[in-house]
Amino acid sequence: MNTQTKVVLPAWIFEQAQGDKDEIKRLVLEYMKRYDGYRVIKVSKRLAICETHTI
């Protein structure tokens, strides 16, 4: 079963990317590697909307 969850993204991602959408995407995907089993669906404001697999 898949569940949607939201992860608050740190401000440094947006500061470092300086509005560049491709850079935001790269930084978010790199940051989310620490969340095992989470797959980013989209970024909304400062949240990563993710899908997780639960048993």
PDB file of N, CA and C in Angstrom:
ATOM      1  N   MET A   1       0.837  -1.174   0.000  1.00  0.00           N
ATOM      2  CA  MET A   1       0.000   0.000   0.000  1.00  0.00           C
ATOM      3  C   MET A   1       0.886   1.244   0.000  1.00  0.00           C
ATOM      4  N   ASN A   2       0.554   2.236  -0.816  1.00  0.00           N
ATOM      5  CA  ASN A   2       1.313   3.481  -0.879  1.00  0.00           C
ATOM      6  C   ASN A   2       0.579   4.578  -0.115  1.00  0.00           C
ATOM      7  N   THR A   3       1.350   5.376   0.582  1.00  0.00           N
ATOM      8  CA  THR A   3       0.816   6.471   1.381  1.00  0.00           C
ATOM      9  C   THR A   3       1.502   7.761   0.981  1.00  0.00           C
ATOM     10  N   GLN A   4       0.735   8.839   0.907  1.00  0.00           N
ATOM     11  CA  GLN A   4       1.335  10.144   0.636  1.00  0.00           C
ATOM     12  C   GLN A   4       1.703  10.811   1.955  1.00  0.00           C
ATOM     13  N   THR A   5       2.830  11.475   1.950  1.00  0.00           N
ATOM     14  CA  THR A   5       3.281  12.216   3.122  1.00  0.00           C
ATOM     15  C   THR A   5       3.992  13.478   2.662  1.00  0.00           C
ATOM     16  N   LYS A   6       4.116  14.438   3.565  1.00  0.00           N
ATOM     17  CA  LYS A   6       4.776  15.701   3.251  1.00  0.00           C
ATOM     18  C   LYS A   6       6.036  15.829   4.096  1.00  0.00           C
ATOM     19  N   VAL A   7       7.096  16.302   3.471  1.00  0.00           N
ATOM     20  CA  VAL A   7       8.359  16.539   4.163  1.00  0.00           C
ATOM     21  C   VAL A   7       8.688  18.022   4.031  1.00  0.00           C
ATOM     22  N   VAL A   8       8.893  18.677   5.169  1.00  0.00           N
ATOM     23  CA  VAL A   8       9.271  20.092   5.149  1.00  0.00           C
ATOM     24  C   VAL A   8      10.719  20.184   4.667  1.00  0.00           C
ATOM     25  N   LEU A   9      10.929  20.989   3.650  1.00  0.00           N
ATOM     26  CA  LEU A   9      12.268  21.142   3.080  1.00  0.00           C
ATOM     27  C   LEU A   9      12.993  22.298   3.762  1.00  0.00           C
ATOM     28  N   PRO A  10      14.300  22.141   3.967  1.00  0.00           N
ATOM     29  CA  PRO A  10      15.058  23.210   4.626  1.00  0.00           C
ATOM     30  C   PRO A  10      15.210  24.445   3.732  1.00  0.00           C
ATOM     31  N   ALA A  11      15.278  25.601   4.370  1.00  0.00           N
ATOM     32  CA  ALA A  11      15.369  26.871   3.650  1.00  0.00           C
ATOM     33  C   ALA A  11      16.619  26.955   2.786  1.00  0.00           C
ATOM     34  N   TRP A  12      17.718  26.295   3.194  1.00  0.00           N
ATOM     35  CA  TRP A  12      18.968  26.414   2.444  1.00  0.00           C
ATOM     36  C   TRP A  12      18.825  25.909   1.010  1.00  0.00           C
ATOM     37  N   ILE A  13      17.913  24.989   0.767  1.00  0.00           N
ATOM     38  CA  ILE A  13      17.715  24.481  -0.596  1.00  0.00           C
ATOM     39  C   ILE A  13      17.282  25.623  -1.511  1.00  0.00           C
ATOM     40  N   PHE A  14      16.318  26.412  -1.055  1.00  0.00           N
ATOM     41  CA  PHE A  14      15.774  27.489  -1.872  1.00  0.00           C
ATOM     42  C   PHE A  14      16.739  28.671  -1.944  1.00  0.00           C
ATOM     43  N   GLU A  15      17.468  28.907  -0.876  1.00  0.00           N
ATOM     44  CA  GLU A  15      18.467  29.976  -0.878  1.00  0.00           C
ATOM     45  C   GLU A  15      19.604  29.655  -1.844  1.00  0.00           C
ATOM     46  N   GLN A  16      20.061  28.418  -1.793  1.00  0.00           N
ATOM     47  CA  GLN A  16      21.181  27.998  -2.644  1.00  0.00           C
ATOM     48  C   GLN A  16      20.770  27.967  -4.120  1.00  0.00           C
ATOM     49  N   ALA A  17      19.545  27.562  -4.403  1.00  0.00           N
ATOM     50  CA  ALA A  17      19.085  27.439  -5.787  1.00  0.00           C
ATOM     51  C   ALA A  17      18.779  28.799  -6.421  1.00  0.00           C
ATOM     52  N   GLN A  18      18.519  29.798  -5.635  1.00  0.00           N
ATOM     53  CA  GLN A  18      18.235  31.158  -6.110  1.00  0.00           C
ATOM     54  C   GLN A  18      17.159  31.194  -7.193  1.00  0.00           C
ATOM     55  N   GLY A  19      16.093  30.426  -6.984  1.00  0.00           N
ATOM     56  CA  GLY A  19      14.961  30.457  -7.906  1.00  0.00           C
ATOM     57  C   GLY A  19      15.091  29.595  -9.151  1.00  0.00           C
ATOM     58  N   ASP A  20      16.230  28.946  -9.357  1.00  0.00           N
ATOM     59  CA  ASP A  20      16.436  28.078 -10.519  1.00  0.00           C
ATOM     60  C   ASP A  20      15.710  26.749 -10.278  1.00  0.00           C
ATOM     61  N   LYS A  21      14.636  26.510 -11.033  1.00  0.00           N
ATOM     62  CA  LYS A  21      13.805  25.316 -10.810  1.00  0.00           C
ATOM     63  C   LYS A  21      14.582  24.010 -10.971  1.00  0.00           C
ATOM     64  N   ASP A  22      15.482  23.951 -11.942  1.00  0.00           N
ATOM     65  CA  ASP A  22      16.276  22.731 -12.130  1.00  0.00           C
ATOM     66  C   ASP A  22      17.195  22.485 -10.930  1.00  0.00           C
ATOM     67  N   GLU A  23      17.744  23.558 -10.386  1.00  0.00           N
ATOM     68  CA  GLU A  23      18.626  23.428  -9.225  1.00  0.00           C
ATOM     69  C   GLU A  23      17.826  23.043  -7.984  1.00  0.00           C
ATOM     70  N   ILE A  24      16.625  23.593  -7.835  1.00  0.00           N
ATOM     71  CA  ILE A  24      15.757  23.205  -6.712  1.00  0.00           C
ATOM     72  C   ILE A  24      15.471  21.715  -6.803  1.00  0.00           C
ATOM     73  N   LYS A  25      15.120  21.253  -7.985  1.00  0.00           N
ATOM     74  CA  LYS A  25      14.812  19.829  -8.176  1.00  0.00           C
ATOM     75  C   LYS A  25      16.017  18.965  -7.816  1.00  0.00           C
ATOM     76  N   ARG A  26      17.195  19.355  -8.283  1.00  0.00           N
ATOM     77  CA  ARG A  26      18.411  18.582  -7.995  1.00  0.00           C
ATOM     78  C   ARG A  26      18.686  18.536  -6.491  1.00  0.00           C
ATOM     79  N   LEU A  27      18.584  19.675  -5.827  1.00  0.00           N
ATOM     80  CA  LEU A  27      18.866  19.744  -4.396  1.00  0.00           C
ATOM     81  C   LEU A  27      17.829  18.973  -3.577  1.00  0.00           C
ATOM     82  N   VAL A  28      16.569  19.066  -3.974  1.00  0.00           N
ATOM     83  CA  VAL A  28      15.514  18.332  -3.263  1.00  0.00           C
ATOM     84  C   VAL A  28      15.743  16.827  -3.391  1.00  0.00           C
ATOM     85  N   LEU A  29      16.040  16.365  -4.602  1.00  0.00           N
ATOM     86  CA  LEU A  29      16.269  14.927  -4.796  1.00  0.00           C
ATOM     87  C   LEU A  29      17.493  14.454  -4.014  1.00  0.00           C
ATOM     88  N   GLU A  30      18.522  15.265  -3.955  1.00  0.00           N
ATOM     89  CA  GLU A  30      19.714  14.917  -3.169  1.00  0.00           C
ATOM     90  C   GLU A  30      19.372  14.863  -1.681  1.00  0.00           C
ATOM     91  N   TYR A  31      18.638  15.853  -1.201  1.00  0.00           N
ATOM     92  CA  TYR A  31      18.237  15.911   0.211  1.00  0.00           C
ATOM     93  C   TYR A  31      17.364  14.710   0.581  1.00  0.00           C
ATOM     94  N   MET A  32      16.456  14.328  -0.305  1.00  0.00           N
ATOM     95  CA  MET A  32      15.504  13.264   0.000  1.00  0.00           C
ATOM     96  C   MET A  32      16.135  11.876   0.027  1.00  0.00           C
ATOM     97  N   LYS A  33      17.377  11.754  -0.399  1.00  0.00           N
ATOM     98  CA  LYS A  33      18.060  10.451  -0.329  1.00  0.00           C
ATOM     99  C   LYS A  33      18.151   9.951   1.111  1.00  0.00           C
ATOM    100  N   ARG A  34      18.112  10.862   2.067  1.00  0.00           N
ATOM    101  CA  ARG A  34      18.193  10.453   3.481  1.00  0.00           C
ATOM    102  C   ARG A  34      16.882   9.859   3.984  1.00  0.00           C
ATOM    103  N   TYR A  35      15.815   9.999   3.199  1.00  0.00           N
ATOM    104  CA  TYR A  35      14.517   9.428   3.556  1.00  0.00           C
ATOM    105  C   TYR A  35      14.320   8.140   2.754  1.00  0.00           C
ATOM    106  N   ASP A  36      14.757   7.042   3.310  1.00  0.00           N
ATOM    107  CA  ASP A  36      14.689   5.755   2.630  1.00  0.00           C
ATOM    108  C   ASP A  36      13.237   5.367   2.355  1.00  0.00           C
ATOM    109  N   GLY A  37      12.952   5.014   1.123  1.00  0.00           N
ATOM    110  CA  GLY A  37      11.615   4.563   0.756  1.00  0.00           C
ATOM    111  C   GLY A  37      10.665   5.679   0.351  1.00  0.00           C
ATOM    112  N   TYR A  38      11.137   6.916   0.351  1.00  0.00           N
ATOM    113  CA  TYR A  38      10.297   8.044  -0.059  1.00  0.00           C
ATOM    114  C   TYR A  38      10.576   8.369  -1.525  1.00  0.00           C
ATOM    115  N   ARG A  39       9.503   8.581  -2.294  1.00  0.00           N
ATOM    116  CA  ARG A  39       9.633   8.980  -3.690  1.00  0.00           C
ATOM    117  C   ARG A  39       8.929  10.316  -3.847  1.00  0.00           C
ATOM    118  N   VAL A  40       9.674  11.318  -4.312  1.00  0.00           N
ATOM    119  CA  VAL A  40       9.121  12.665  -4.458  1.00  0.00           C
ATOM    120  C   VAL A  40       8.158  12.684  -5.641  1.00  0.00           C
ATOM    121  N   ILE A  41       6.941  13.131  -5.384  1.00  0.00           N
ATOM    122  CA  ILE A  41       5.931  13.290  -6.429  1.00  0.00           C
ATOM    123  C   ILE A  41       5.992  14.714  -6.969  1.00  0.00           C
ATOM    124  N   LYS A  42       6.040  15.690  -6.052  1.00  0.00           N
ATOM    125  CA  LYS A  42       6.137  17.086  -6.455  1.00  0.00           C
ATOM    126  C   LYS A  42       6.616  17.923  -5.280  1.00  0.00           C
ATOM    127  N   VAL A  43       7.021  19.149  -5.585  1.00  0.00           N
ATOM    128  CA  VAL A  43       7.407  20.120  -4.562  1.00  0.00           C
ATOM    129  C   VAL A  43       6.368  21.223  -4.604  1.00  0.00           C
ATOM    130  N   SER A  44       5.783  21.506  -3.451  1.00  0.00           N
ATOM    131  CA  SER A  44       4.763  22.538  -3.343  1.00  0.00           C
ATOM    132  C   SER A  44       5.162  23.477  -2.215  1.00  0.00           C
ATOM    133  N   LYS A  45       5.457  24.713  -2.594  1.00  0.00           N
ATOM    134  CA  LYS A  45       5.963  25.707  -1.651  1.00  0.00           C
ATOM    135  C   LYS A  45       7.253  25.173  -1.041  1.00  0.00           C
ATOM    136  N   ARG A  46       7.283  24.922   0.243  1.00  0.00           N
ATOM    137  CA  ARG A  46       8.510  24.387   0.870  1.00  0.00           C
ATOM    138  C   ARG A  46       8.304  22.968   1.381  1.00  0.00           C
ATOM    139  N   LEU A  47       7.419  22.257   0.712  1.00  0.00           N
ATOM    140  CA  LEU A  47       7.127  20.871   1.078  1.00  0.00           C
ATOM    141  C   LEU A  47       7.421  19.946  -0.086  1.00  0.00           C
ATOM    142  N   ALA A  48       7.973  18.792   0.236  1.00  0.00           N
ATOM    143  CA  ALA A  48       8.107  17.723  -0.758  1.00  0.00           C
ATOM    144  C   ALA A  48       6.931  16.786  -0.517  1.00  0.00           C
ATOM    145  N   ILE A  49       6.072  16.648  -1.509  1.00  0.00           N
ATOM    146  CA  ILE A  49       4.954  15.703  -1.435  1.00  0.00           C
ATOM    147  C   ILE A  49       5.525  14.374  -1.921  1.00  0.00           C
ATOM    148  N   CYS A  50       5.471  13.384  -1.029  1.00  0.00           N
ATOM    149  CA  CYS A  50       6.136  12.101  -1.311  1.00  0.00           C
ATOM    150  C   CYS A  50       5.163  10.947  -1.202  1.00  0.00           C
ATOM    151  N   GLU A  51       5.579   9.858  -1.809  1.00  0.00           N
ATOM    152  CA  GLU A  51       4.848   8.605  -1.707  1.00  0.00           C
ATOM    153  C   GLU A  51       5.768   7.623  -0.986  1.00  0.00           C
ATOM    154  N   THR A  52       5.208   6.933  -0.006  1.00  0.00           N
ATOM    155  CA  THR A  52       5.979   5.919   0.700  1.00  0.00           C
ATOM    156  C   THR A  52       5.264   4.582   0.569  1.00  0.00           C
ATOM    157  N   HIS A  53       6.023   3.551   0.593  1.00  0.00           N
ATOM    158  CA  HIS A  53       5.454   2.206   0.514  1.00  0.00           C
ATOM    159  C   HIS A  53       5.372   1.639   1.921  1.00  0.00           C
ATOM    160  N   THR A  54       4.163   1.263   2.346  1.00  0.00           N
ATOM    161  CA  THR A  54       3.976   0.667   3.662  1.00  0.00           C
ATOM    162  C   THR A  54       3.425  -0.743   3.510  1.00  0.00           C
ATOM    163  N   ILE A  55       3.753  -1.566   4.444  1.00  0.00           N
ATOM    164  CA  ILE A  55       3.314  -2.973   4.390  1.00  0.00           C
ATOM    165  C   ILE A  55       1.980  -3.129   5.099  1.00  0.00           C
TER     166      ILE A  55
END
